[in-house]
Amino acid sequence: MLFELSERGIKIERQVKLPLTYKERELNKSFVLDLLVEGSVIVEIKAVQQLLLVHEVQLVTYLKLSGKKLGLLINFNESTLKQGIRRRIQGKL
């Protein structure tokens, strides 16, 4: 996936740390985004038998904490990739 996106000239960042703050203080904990595409789309990649609510909650949490609006949850363990893609929008695009 990284190769294909890079070949098309799309900017991708891997394993992007998302610091966790509480009351304007940064904690010693951070989340790690699988991919950040063009600085605006969070992509979380899974290879599980079935996407669960916890996977979607993880993506929504990342969207809220980062202030990003659009996220994709992609499960590569599907018969067709189209069946394994879920899109989440936080607020208005």
C-alpha atoms as a PDB file:
ATOM      1  CA  MET A   1       0.000   0.000   0.000  1.00  0.00           C
ATOM      2  CA  LEU A   2       2.811   2.392   0.881  1.00  0.00           C
ATOM      3  CA  PHE A   3       4.571   1.628  -2.365  1.00  0.00           C
ATOM      4  CA  GLU A   4       1.460   2.243  -4.477  1.00  0.00           C
ATOM      5  CA  LEU A   5       0.640   5.535  -2.780  1.00  0.00           C
ATOM      6  CA  SER A   6       4.249   6.722  -2.988  1.00  0.00           C
ATOM      7  CA  GLU A   7       4.400   5.827  -6.677  1.00  0.00           C
ATOM      8  CA  ARG A   8       1.446   8.154  -7.240  1.00  0.00           C
ATOM      9  CA  GLY A   9       3.239  11.039  -5.517  1.00  0.00           C
ATOM     10  CA  ILE A  10       1.065  10.945  -2.407  1.00  0.00           C
ATOM     11  CA  LYS A  11       2.782  12.080   0.805  1.00  0.00           C
ATOM     12  CA  ILE A  12       2.632   9.383   3.483  1.00  0.00           C
ATOM     13  CA  GLU A  13       3.945   9.364   7.033  1.00  0.00           C
ATOM     14  CA  ARG A  14       4.243   6.054   8.883  1.00  0.00           C
ATOM     15  CA  GLN A  15       3.992   5.391  12.610  1.00  0.00           C
ATOM     16  CA  VAL A  16       3.152   9.003  13.490  1.00  0.00           C
ATOM     17  CA  LYS A  17       3.203   9.670  17.227  1.00  0.00           C
ATOM     18  CA  LEU A  18       0.154  11.447  18.570  1.00  0.00           C
ATOM     19  CA  PRO A  19       0.964  12.895  21.989  1.00  0.00           C
ATOM     20  CA  LEU A  20      -1.619  12.602  24.721  1.00  0.00           C
ATOM     21  CA  THR A  21      -2.366  15.762  26.666  1.00  0.00           C
ATOM     22  CA  TYR A  22      -4.477  16.366  29.722  1.00  0.00           C
ATOM     23  CA  LYS A  23      -5.378  19.881  30.866  1.00  0.00           C
ATOM     24  CA  GLU A  24      -2.743  21.324  28.523  1.00  0.00           C
ATOM     25  CA  ARG A  25      -0.006  19.059  29.947  1.00  0.00           C
ATOM     26  CA  GLU A  26       1.636  16.485  27.739  1.00  0.00           C
ATOM     27  CA  LEU A  27       1.657  13.048  29.347  1.00  0.00           C
ATOM     28  CA  ASN A  28       4.348  10.387  28.940  1.00  0.00           C
ATOM     29  CA  LYS A  29       1.934   8.448  26.758  1.00  0.00           C
ATOM     30  CA  SER A  30       1.363   8.731  23.047  1.00  0.00           C
ATOM     31  CA  PHE A  31      -0.704   6.929  20.464  1.00  0.00           C
ATOM     32  CA  VAL A  32       0.799   5.844  17.152  1.00  0.00           C
ATOM     33  CA  LEU A  33      -1.077   6.346  13.897  1.00  0.00           C
ATOM     34  CA  ASP A  34      -0.393   3.670  11.291  1.00  0.00           C
ATOM     35  CA  LEU A  35      -0.453   6.144   8.402  1.00  0.00           C
ATOM     36  CA  LEU A  36      -1.063   9.831   7.910  1.00  0.00           C
ATOM     37  CA  VAL A  37      -1.826  10.595   4.260  1.00  0.00           C
ATOM     38  CA  GLU A  38      -1.198  14.088   2.904  1.00  0.00           C
ATOM     39  CA  GLY A  39      -1.152  15.352   6.493  1.00  0.00           C
ATOM     40  CA  SER A  40      -4.907  15.063   6.758  1.00  0.00           C
ATOM     41  CA  VAL A  41      -6.249  11.494   6.475  1.00  0.00           C
ATOM     42  CA  ILE A  42      -5.594   8.970   9.237  1.00  0.00           C
ATOM     43  CA  VAL A  43      -5.408   5.371   8.014  1.00  0.00           C
ATOM     44  CA  GLU A  44      -5.504   2.514  10.499  1.00  0.00           C
ATOM     45  CA  ILE A  45      -4.570  -0.867   9.074  1.00  0.00           C
ATOM     46  CA  LYS A  46      -5.792  -4.193  10.421  1.00  0.00           C
ATOM     47  CA  ALA A  47      -5.602  -7.822   9.334  1.00  0.00           C
ATOM     48  CA  VAL A  48      -8.270  -9.390  11.526  1.00  0.00           C
ATOM     49  CA  GLN A  49     -11.067 -11.850  10.965  1.00  0.00           C
ATOM     50  CA  GLN A  50     -13.628  -9.144  11.664  1.00  0.00           C
ATOM     51  CA  LEU A  51     -13.461  -5.444  12.457  1.00  0.00           C
ATOM     52  CA  LEU A  52     -14.753  -4.784  15.952  1.00  0.00           C
ATOM     53  CA  LEU A  53     -16.195  -1.747  17.656  1.00  0.00           C
ATOM     54  CA  VAL A  54     -12.889  -1.263  19.501  1.00  0.00           C
ATOM     55  CA  HIS A  55     -11.122  -0.739  16.144  1.00  0.00           C
ATOM     56  CA  GLU A  56     -13.599   1.963  15.154  1.00  0.00           C
ATOM     57  CA  VAL A  57     -13.351   3.608  18.580  1.00  0.00           C
ATOM     58  CA  GLN A  58      -9.563   3.667  18.183  1.00  0.00           C
ATOM     59  CA  LEU A  59      -9.885   5.540  14.881  1.00  0.00           C
ATOM     60  CA  VAL A  60     -12.452   8.000  16.263  1.00  0.00           C
ATOM     61  CA  THR A  61     -10.178   8.678  19.259  1.00  0.00           C
ATOM     62  CA  TYR A  62      -7.258   9.419  16.928  1.00  0.00           C
ATOM     63  CA  LEU A  63      -9.436  11.779  14.886  1.00  0.00           C
ATOM     64  CA  LYS A  64     -10.574  13.670  17.979  1.00  0.00           C
ATOM     65  CA  LEU A  65      -7.115  13.964  19.512  1.00  0.00           C
ATOM     66  CA  SER A  66      -5.431  15.008  16.271  1.00  0.00           C
ATOM     67  CA  GLY A  67      -8.110  17.407  15.098  1.00  0.00           C
ATOM     68  CA  LYS A  68      -8.220  15.597  11.743  1.00  0.00           C
ATOM     69  CA  LYS A  69     -11.578  15.188  10.027  1.00  0.00           C
ATOM     70  CA  LEU A  70     -11.258  12.028   7.924  1.00  0.00           C
ATOM     71  CA  GLY A  71     -10.108   8.519   8.777  1.00  0.00           C
ATOM     72  CA  LEU A  72     -10.059   5.138   7.086  1.00  0.00           C
ATOM     73  CA  LEU A  73     -10.064   1.784   8.835  1.00  0.00           C
ATOM     74  CA  ILE A  74      -8.806  -0.877   6.441  1.00  0.00           C
ATOM     75  CA  ASN A  75      -8.979  -4.615   7.122  1.00  0.00           C
ATOM     76  CA  PHE A  76      -6.816  -6.557   4.675  1.00  0.00           C
ATOM     77  CA  ASN A  77      -8.274  -9.879   5.830  1.00  0.00           C
ATOM     78  CA  GLU A  78     -11.333  -9.715   3.538  1.00  0.00           C
ATOM     79  CA  SER A  79     -12.145 -11.509   0.300  1.00  0.00           C
ATOM     80  CA  THR A  80     -12.229  -8.117  -1.454  1.00  0.00           C
ATOM     81  CA  LEU A  81     -10.540  -4.987  -0.166  1.00  0.00           C
ATOM     82  CA  LYS A  82     -13.699  -2.954  -0.741  1.00  0.00           C
ATOM     83  CA  GLN A  83     -15.468  -4.990   1.964  1.00  0.00           C
ATOM     84  CA  GLY A  84     -12.709  -4.179   4.447  1.00  0.00           C
ATOM     85  CA  ILE A  85     -12.796  -0.378   4.238  1.00  0.00           C
ATOM     86  CA  ARG A  86     -14.690   1.809   6.683  1.00  0.00           C
ATOM     87  CA  ARG A  87     -14.664   5.593   6.541  1.00  0.00           C
ATOM     88  CA  ARG A  88     -15.170   7.861   9.546  1.00  0.00           C
ATOM     89  CA  ILE A  89     -15.750  11.588   9.477  1.00  0.00           C
ATOM     90  CA  GLN A  90     -15.254  13.727  12.588  1.00  0.00           C
ATOM     91  CA  GLY A  91     -17.330  16.897  12.370  1.00  0.00           C
ATOM     92  CA  LYS A  92     -17.798  18.523   8.969  1.00  0.00           C
ATOM     93  CA  LEU A  93     -15.374  18.136   6.096  1.00  0.00           C
END
